Protein backbone atom coordinates (compact mmCIF):
# COMPACT_ATOMS: atom_id res chain seq x y z
CA MET A 1 126.52 160.39 136.66
CA LYS A 2 127.45 156.98 138.01
CA ASN A 3 123.91 156.15 139.02
CA SER A 4 122.67 157.20 135.72
CA ALA A 5 125.23 154.94 133.91
CA GLU A 6 124.23 152.10 136.13
CA THR A 7 120.65 152.68 135.39
CA LEU A 8 121.27 152.89 131.63
CA SER A 9 123.28 149.69 131.85
CA SER A 10 120.65 147.82 133.60
CA THR A 11 117.97 149.17 131.23
CA ARG A 12 120.20 147.73 128.21
CA MET A 13 120.56 144.47 129.93
CA SER A 14 116.85 144.08 130.62
CA SER A 15 116.01 144.95 127.01
CA ASP A 16 118.53 142.42 126.00
CA LEU A 17 116.90 139.70 127.95
CA MET A 18 113.40 140.49 127.02
CA PRO A 19 113.56 139.09 123.46
CA SER A 20 115.23 135.87 124.77
CA GLN A 21 112.55 135.50 127.57
CA MET A 22 109.82 136.07 124.85
CA LYS A 23 111.48 133.56 122.47
CA GLU A 24 111.67 131.11 125.43
CA SER A 25 107.98 131.68 126.27
CA GLU A 26 107.01 131.07 122.66
CA ARG A 27 109.15 128.14 122.41
CA LEU A 28 107.65 126.31 125.23
CA PRO A 29 104.14 126.01 123.91
CA ARG A 30 105.48 124.95 120.46
CA MET A 31 107.34 122.26 122.21
CA GLN A 32 104.39 121.03 124.08
CA GLU A 33 102.19 121.08 120.87
CA SER A 34 104.92 119.21 119.12
CA HIS A 35 105.19 116.58 121.83
CA LYS A 36 101.36 116.21 121.91
CA THR A 37 101.27 115.72 118.08
CA MET A 38 104.12 113.09 118.33
CA LYS A 39 102.36 111.20 121.15
CA GLN A 40 99.05 111.25 118.99
CA GLU A 41 100.85 109.90 115.81
CA LYS A 42 102.60 107.32 118.03
CA ASN A 43 99.24 106.22 119.66
CA ALA A 44 97.59 106.13 116.15
CA ARG A 45 100.41 103.95 114.65
CA TYR A 46 100.74 101.35 117.38
CA GLN A 47 97.08 100.42 117.62
CA ALA A 48 96.94 96.92 116.25
CA GLY A 49 95.04 96.75 112.98
CA LYS A 50 93.70 100.21 113.21
CA SER A 51 94.54 103.12 110.76
CA THR A 52 93.34 106.76 110.92
CA SER A 53 93.34 107.00 107.26
CA ILE A 54 89.83 107.63 106.02
CA GLY A 55 90.82 106.54 102.47
CA ARG A 56 91.82 103.11 103.65
CA TYR A 57 88.17 102.40 104.63
CA LEU A 58 86.59 104.60 102.06
CA TRP A 59 87.61 102.85 98.91
CA PRO A 60 86.75 99.32 99.79
CA LEU A 61 83.34 100.40 101.12
CA LEU A 62 82.78 102.65 98.01
CA ALA A 63 83.65 99.62 95.75
CA LEU A 64 81.13 97.46 97.59
CA SER A 65 78.41 100.13 97.46
CA ILE A 66 78.94 100.44 93.68
CA LEU A 67 78.65 96.82 92.97
CA LEU A 68 75.53 96.67 95.08
CA LEU A 69 74.03 99.61 93.22
CA ALA A 70 74.99 98.00 89.90
CA ASN A 71 72.92 94.97 90.94
CA LEU A 72 70.15 97.28 91.88
CA PHE A 73 70.03 98.66 88.38
CA ILE A 74 70.20 95.19 86.90
CA ASP A 75 67.53 93.68 89.15
CA SER A 76 65.02 96.24 90.72
CA ASN A 77 64.30 93.70 93.57
CA PHE A 78 67.78 93.15 94.41
CA PHE A 79 67.56 94.90 97.92
CA ASN A 80 64.23 93.19 98.71
CA ILE A 81 64.41 91.08 101.79
CA SER A 82 61.55 88.82 103.00
CA TYR A 83 60.87 86.96 106.21
CA GLN A 84 59.40 83.43 106.01
CA ASP A 85 59.75 80.51 108.31
CA ASP A 86 61.70 82.37 110.84
CA ARG A 87 64.47 83.21 108.36
CA LEU A 88 65.33 86.11 106.13
CA TYR A 89 65.58 85.60 102.44
CA GLY A 90 66.94 87.82 99.67
CA SER A 91 69.99 88.39 97.41
CA LEU A 92 71.77 90.39 100.19
CA ILE A 93 71.30 87.44 102.63
CA ASP A 94 72.55 84.98 99.98
CA ILE A 95 75.82 87.20 99.50
CA LEU A 96 76.40 87.21 103.11
CA ASN A 97 75.82 83.45 103.49
CA ARG A 98 77.89 82.45 100.50
CA SER A 99 80.75 84.79 101.41
CA ALA A 100 81.18 82.96 104.89
CA PRO A 101 83.86 80.58 103.95
CA VAL A 102 86.02 83.19 102.20
CA ALA A 103 85.48 85.55 104.99
CA LEU A 104 86.73 83.06 107.57
CA LEU A 105 89.78 82.21 105.55
CA ALA A 106 90.50 86.03 104.97
CA ILE A 107 90.57 86.51 108.86
CA GLY A 108 93.14 83.91 109.33
CA MET A 109 95.08 85.00 106.28
CA SER A 110 95.16 88.61 107.47
CA LEU A 111 97.19 87.44 110.44
CA VAL A 112 99.56 85.34 108.58
CA ILE A 113 100.19 88.14 105.98
CA ALA A 114 100.59 90.58 108.76
CA THR A 115 103.58 88.70 110.04
CA GLY A 116 105.13 88.76 106.49
CA GLY A 117 104.06 85.23 105.62
CA ILE A 118 101.39 83.59 103.37
CA ASP A 119 99.36 80.51 103.66
CA LEU A 120 98.43 78.51 100.52
CA SER A 121 97.18 75.45 102.23
CA VAL A 122 93.91 76.80 103.77
CA GLY A 123 91.87 75.18 100.96
CA ALA A 124 93.43 71.78 101.59
CA VAL A 125 92.89 72.16 105.30
CA MET A 126 89.26 72.72 104.64
CA ALA A 127 89.12 69.51 102.70
CA ILE A 128 90.95 67.53 105.61
CA CYS A 129 88.77 68.96 108.33
CA GLY A 130 85.54 68.17 106.18
CA ALA A 131 86.84 64.61 105.56
CA VAL A 132 87.35 63.97 109.30
CA CYS A 133 84.07 65.29 110.45
CA ALA A 134 82.04 63.46 107.68
CA ASN A 135 83.78 60.04 108.54
CA LEU A 136 83.37 60.67 112.22
CA LEU A 137 79.43 61.36 111.66
CA LEU A 138 79.31 57.82 110.04
CA VAL A 139 80.18 56.37 113.55
CA PRO A 140 77.08 55.32 115.43
CA ASP A 141 76.03 57.38 118.34
CA ILE A 142 78.71 59.92 117.77
CA ASN A 143 78.57 62.97 119.81
CA LEU A 144 78.18 66.32 117.82
CA VAL A 145 80.58 68.22 120.26
CA THR A 146 83.19 65.56 119.58
CA VAL A 147 82.88 65.91 115.80
CA ILE A 148 83.11 69.73 115.94
CA ALA A 149 86.16 69.42 118.46
CA ALA A 150 87.94 66.91 116.22
CA GLY A 151 87.57 69.14 113.23
CA LEU A 152 88.80 72.24 115.07
CA CYS A 153 91.73 70.27 116.47
CA VAL A 154 92.72 69.11 112.93
CA GLY A 155 92.68 72.66 111.73
CA LEU A 156 94.86 73.89 114.68
CA LEU A 157 97.30 71.04 114.05
CA ALA A 158 97.68 71.80 110.36
CA GLY A 159 98.20 75.53 111.18
CA CYS A 160 100.91 74.57 113.85
CA ILE A 161 102.73 72.36 111.25
CA ASN A 162 102.84 75.34 108.95
CA GLY A 163 103.87 77.67 111.73
CA GLY A 164 106.41 75.22 112.95
CA LEU A 165 107.97 74.90 109.41
CA VAL A 166 107.97 78.68 108.90
CA SER A 167 109.15 79.95 112.33
CA PHE A 168 111.31 77.19 113.83
CA LEU A 169 112.78 75.60 110.73
CA GLY A 170 113.03 78.71 108.80
CA ILE A 171 111.40 77.40 105.61
CA GLN A 172 110.05 80.06 103.22
CA PRO A 173 106.19 80.46 104.01
CA ILE A 174 105.13 79.94 100.37
CA VAL A 175 107.09 76.77 100.15
CA ALA A 176 106.14 75.41 103.72
CA THR A 177 102.30 76.06 102.88
CA LEU A 178 102.69 74.69 99.46
CA LEU A 179 103.69 71.39 100.81
CA LEU A 180 100.50 70.91 102.77
CA MET A 181 98.58 72.45 99.91
CA VAL A 182 99.56 69.50 97.76
CA ALA A 183 99.83 66.79 100.58
CA GLY A 184 96.47 67.92 102.23
CA ARG A 185 94.45 66.87 99.19
CA GLY A 186 96.11 63.56 99.24
CA VAL A 187 95.48 63.07 103.12
CA ALA A 188 91.78 64.06 102.55
CA GLN A 189 91.45 61.46 99.73
CA LEU A 190 92.98 58.77 102.01
CA ILE A 191 90.73 59.60 104.78
CA ASN A 192 87.71 59.42 102.37
CA GLN A 193 89.21 56.27 100.61
CA GLY A 194 88.85 58.10 97.18
CA GLN A 195 85.05 58.33 97.73
CA ILE A 196 82.68 61.27 98.27
CA ILE A 197 81.42 60.65 101.83
CA THR A 198 77.89 61.63 102.52
CA PHE A 199 75.91 61.70 105.83
CA GLN A 200 72.60 62.54 107.49
CA HIS A 201 72.97 64.45 110.53
CA PRO A 202 70.76 67.47 111.08
CA GLY A 203 72.74 68.76 113.97
CA PHE A 204 75.78 69.09 112.07
CA ALA A 205 74.08 70.15 108.89
CA ALA A 206 72.71 73.16 110.85
CA ILE A 207 76.20 74.52 110.69
CA GLY A 208 75.87 75.12 106.89
CA VAL A 209 72.01 75.47 106.41
CA GLY A 210 70.66 76.42 109.85
CA GLN A 211 69.53 79.78 111.04
CA PHE A 212 69.64 81.82 114.18
CA LEU A 213 67.48 84.99 114.70
CA GLY A 214 66.74 85.02 110.97
CA LEU A 215 70.28 84.94 109.69
CA PRO A 216 71.98 81.87 108.24
CA MET A 217 74.33 80.12 110.84
CA PRO A 218 77.54 80.69 108.60
CA VAL A 219 76.96 84.45 109.09
CA TRP A 220 76.85 84.17 112.87
CA ILE A 221 80.11 81.93 112.71
CA VAL A 222 81.83 84.73 110.85
CA LEU A 223 80.61 87.51 113.15
CA GLY A 224 81.70 85.35 116.20
CA MET A 225 85.13 84.42 114.87
CA LEU A 226 85.69 88.17 113.85
CA THR A 227 84.62 89.45 117.14
CA PHE A 228 86.76 86.91 119.08
CA THR A 229 89.82 87.57 117.03
CA GLN A 230 89.45 91.34 117.00
CA LEU A 231 89.06 91.46 120.77
CA LEU A 232 92.18 89.08 121.02
CA LEU A 233 94.22 91.36 119.16
CA ARG A 234 92.98 94.77 120.39
CA LYS A 235 92.56 94.06 124.14
CA THR A 236 95.89 92.23 124.50
CA ALA A 237 99.33 92.88 123.16
CA LEU A 238 99.18 90.26 120.43
CA GLY A 239 98.07 92.72 117.71
CA LEU A 240 100.96 95.01 118.52
CA PHE A 241 103.35 92.04 118.43
CA ILE A 242 102.19 90.82 115.13
CA GLU A 243 102.62 94.24 113.63
CA ALA A 244 106.04 94.49 115.13
CA VAL A 245 107.06 91.01 113.72
CA GLY A 246 105.68 91.89 110.24
CA CYS A 247 107.52 95.29 110.01
CA ASN A 248 110.93 93.85 111.34
CA ALA A 249 111.08 90.48 112.88
CA LYS A 250 114.73 91.01 113.92
CA ALA A 251 114.15 94.32 115.58
CA SER A 252 111.03 92.99 117.36
CA ARG A 253 113.37 90.04 118.66
CA TYR A 254 115.86 92.54 120.18
CA LEU A 255 112.78 94.33 121.87
CA GLY A 256 112.19 90.88 123.64
CA ILE A 257 109.13 89.77 121.38
CA ASN A 258 109.31 86.02 120.65
CA ASP A 259 108.76 86.31 116.98
CA LYS A 260 108.62 82.48 116.43
CA SER A 261 105.82 82.01 118.82
CA ILE A 262 103.80 84.99 117.30
CA LYS A 263 104.10 83.45 113.68
CA LEU A 264 103.01 79.98 115.09
CA PHE A 265 100.05 81.72 116.76
CA ALA A 266 99.17 83.38 113.37
CA TYR A 267 99.31 80.14 111.48
CA ALA A 268 97.42 78.37 114.16
CA ILE A 269 94.52 80.92 114.02
CA ALA A 270 94.67 80.59 110.22
CA GLY A 271 94.17 76.80 110.51
CA LEU A 272 91.38 77.25 113.04
CA CYS A 273 89.52 79.58 110.52
CA ALA A 274 90.10 77.15 107.64
CA ALA A 275 88.55 74.21 109.98
CA LEU A 276 85.53 76.44 110.55
CA ALA A 277 85.19 77.26 106.78
CA GLY A 278 85.55 73.36 105.89
CA MET A 279 82.84 72.40 108.42
CA ILE A 280 80.45 74.95 106.79
CA SER A 281 81.16 73.71 103.32
CA THR A 282 80.72 70.02 104.43
CA ALA A 283 77.52 70.71 106.24
CA ASP A 284 76.09 72.68 103.39
CA ILE A 285 76.31 69.71 101.10
CA GLN A 286 76.06 67.16 103.70
CA GLY A 287 79.09 65.43 102.26
CA SER A 288 82.83 65.58 101.85
CA ASP A 289 84.53 65.92 98.45
CA ALA A 290 88.12 65.95 98.90
CA ASN A 291 88.84 67.08 95.48
CA ASN A 292 86.74 70.11 95.29
CA ALA A 293 86.30 71.26 98.90
CA GLY A 294 87.95 74.58 99.30
CA LEU A 295 89.43 74.45 95.76
CA TRP A 296 91.26 77.68 95.07
CA LEU A 297 89.59 79.48 97.94
CA GLU A 298 93.02 80.36 99.33
CA LEU A 299 93.50 82.71 96.32
CA ASP A 300 90.28 84.41 97.06
CA ALA A 301 91.26 84.77 100.68
CA ILE A 302 94.51 86.40 99.73
CA LEU A 303 92.70 88.66 97.20
CA ALA A 304 90.20 89.66 99.94
CA VAL A 305 93.07 90.64 102.32
CA VAL A 306 94.82 92.66 99.67
CA ILE A 307 91.53 94.38 98.84
CA GLY A 308 91.18 95.17 102.40
CA GLY A 309 94.50 97.31 102.30
CA ALA A 310 96.80 94.84 104.04
CA ALA A 311 100.53 95.08 103.27
CA LEU A 312 101.84 91.91 101.60
CA THR A 313 105.25 92.87 103.14
CA GLY A 314 103.67 92.53 106.63
CA GLY A 315 102.85 94.99 109.49
CA ARG A 316 99.58 96.57 108.36
CA PHE A 317 96.25 94.75 108.46
CA SER A 318 92.53 95.13 109.08
CA LEU A 319 90.35 92.18 109.88
CA VAL A 320 87.10 94.14 109.26
CA LEU A 321 88.39 95.31 105.79
CA SER A 322 89.35 91.77 105.02
CA VAL A 323 85.82 90.68 105.59
CA VAL A 324 84.68 93.55 103.33
CA GLY A 325 87.06 92.33 100.61
CA ALA A 326 85.39 88.83 100.84
CA LEU A 327 81.97 90.52 100.44
CA ILE A 328 83.34 92.57 97.36
CA ILE A 329 84.35 89.26 95.70
CA GLN A 330 81.17 87.51 96.41
CA THR A 331 79.16 90.49 95.24
CA LEU A 332 81.03 90.75 92.07
CA ALA A 333 80.41 87.08 91.42
CA THR A 334 76.63 87.69 92.00
CA THR A 335 76.69 90.67 89.74
CA ILE A 336 78.21 88.78 86.90
CA ILE A 337 75.58 86.03 87.30
CA VAL A 338 72.69 88.48 87.45
CA SER A 339 73.91 90.39 84.53
CA GLY A 340 73.46 87.28 82.27
CA LEU A 341 76.96 87.75 80.82
CA PRO A 342 78.41 84.64 79.02
CA ALA A 343 80.41 82.54 81.54
CA LYS A 344 83.54 82.73 79.51
CA PHE A 345 83.89 86.44 80.47
CA ASN A 346 83.48 85.92 84.23
CA LEU A 347 87.07 85.56 85.22
CA LEU A 348 88.20 88.50 82.93
CA ILE A 349 85.63 90.92 84.35
CA LYS A 350 86.36 89.74 87.88
CA ALA A 351 90.09 90.50 87.35
CA ILE A 352 89.37 94.03 85.62
CA VAL A 353 86.99 95.19 88.48
CA ILE A 354 89.31 93.94 91.30
CA LEU A 355 92.49 95.55 89.42
CA THR A 356 90.48 98.81 89.47
CA VAL A 357 89.72 98.75 93.16
CA LEU A 358 93.32 98.00 93.98
CA LEU A 359 94.46 100.89 91.76
CA LEU A 360 92.02 103.35 93.41
CA GLN A 361 93.53 102.29 96.77
CA SER A 362 97.06 103.15 95.71
CA ASP A 363 98.01 106.66 96.83
CA LYS A 364 100.63 106.91 94.15
CA PHE A 365 97.96 106.05 91.26
CA ARG A 366 95.61 108.56 92.69
CA ARG A 367 98.37 111.35 92.65
CA GLN A 368 99.33 110.60 89.16
CA LEU A 369 95.76 110.57 88.19
CA SER A 370 95.01 113.84 89.88
CA ALA A 371 98.23 115.38 88.34
CA LEU A 372 97.05 114.22 84.70
CA PHE A 373 93.62 115.88 85.27
CA LYS A 374 95.25 119.08 86.47
CA ALA A 375 97.53 119.13 83.52
CA ASN A 376 94.70 118.66 81.16
CA ARG A 377 92.63 121.43 82.68
CA LEU A 378 95.73 123.67 82.57
CA ALA A 379 96.20 122.82 78.85
CA ALA A 380 92.58 123.56 78.28
CA GLY A 381 92.61 126.91 80.11
CA LEU A 382 95.81 128.01 78.16
CA ALA A 383 94.18 126.92 74.82
CA GLU A 384 91.13 129.07 75.81
CA LYS A 385 93.10 132.05 76.59
CA GLY A 386 94.98 131.78 73.36
CA ALA A 387 91.74 131.60 71.44
CA SER A 388 90.44 134.64 73.34
CA ALA A 389 93.56 136.58 72.51
CA LYS A 390 93.35 135.74 68.84
CA GLU A 391 89.63 136.73 68.78
CA TYR A 392 90.56 140.04 70.42
CA LYS A 393 93.35 140.73 67.97
CA ALA A 394 91.05 139.76 65.04
CA THR A 395 88.47 142.27 66.35
CA GLY A 396 91.01 144.99 66.58
CA ASP A 397 92.14 144.49 63.23
CA ASN A 398 88.70 144.53 61.69
CA GLN A 399 88.10 147.84 63.51
């Protein structure tokens, strides 16, 4: 009797343990799967300038494709590309060439906006760098490398001034860069002594009108700067630091990130990109016009970054999509010209199209639009069922 009781007791204990063991065996794979998912989400989140959201890349590229197709309907030869005198010619090549200055500004602006700031002075920096290069080219027997190095150093200096005012003196970015936006034009005019400086230098002019492997030189400059900046951010920790500072500068400081140096670096890169854009514009016309060089291009650069999906509050950015945004702006301008619309409608059409692109990029707007369509379909279905019921009732009454 005692042995049978012990056997029964042990059987009950084992039966009580079996569900807990089974639960433990089921819980372990779930915990491993949850840990793996969290790790993947963390890796996806903290890759600088990269997003796993397909829609983030879909809408800008879709907008660019629609604009290109619209040009094809307007002009059947829009996609034609010819090769003559070792150079490619065509409307697509013209769009790439003309969007180069804004694309360069957008690359630098992406980093500045990613830190939570903004740079309104890039157009003025273009004018200053163009004026410096143009005046140096008038010096006899000047070395081209010296002229280019001087232009780049001026851009870096302007970027460091903006970065120093923002990061070390704590001045609001829009105010600090607005100072140089206003003063920069005056500095460029002083360098040019109030004149439009022209020059004849085939080597420097090649920066704006030259070609390499069939493509215009400005396109190669944009590709080179994009590749250099992307590698610098992705292959080092700088991209992660920029996102961290943009998301929360105070928290990143507690983590040991020098947020002031990161902001200074972002503004310095923006100044460097503005210097390159200024040299392209100056070399294109072989002259320096302090009043009109880079005028209002800072607004196009900011708009290109926003079209690229960057958050104006800081943190999220994409250099490639910012360049796509610059292409969208230039393609839209080309579309308006090709369509033959009156010039007085250009700005209005441009604003409407860009607003449409931005709305399509908004997740909230797409959800509201989808809910509206679902409500309309549901109302139409209920109306159809009601009509069917009335017809059935009328048929029954007739019988």
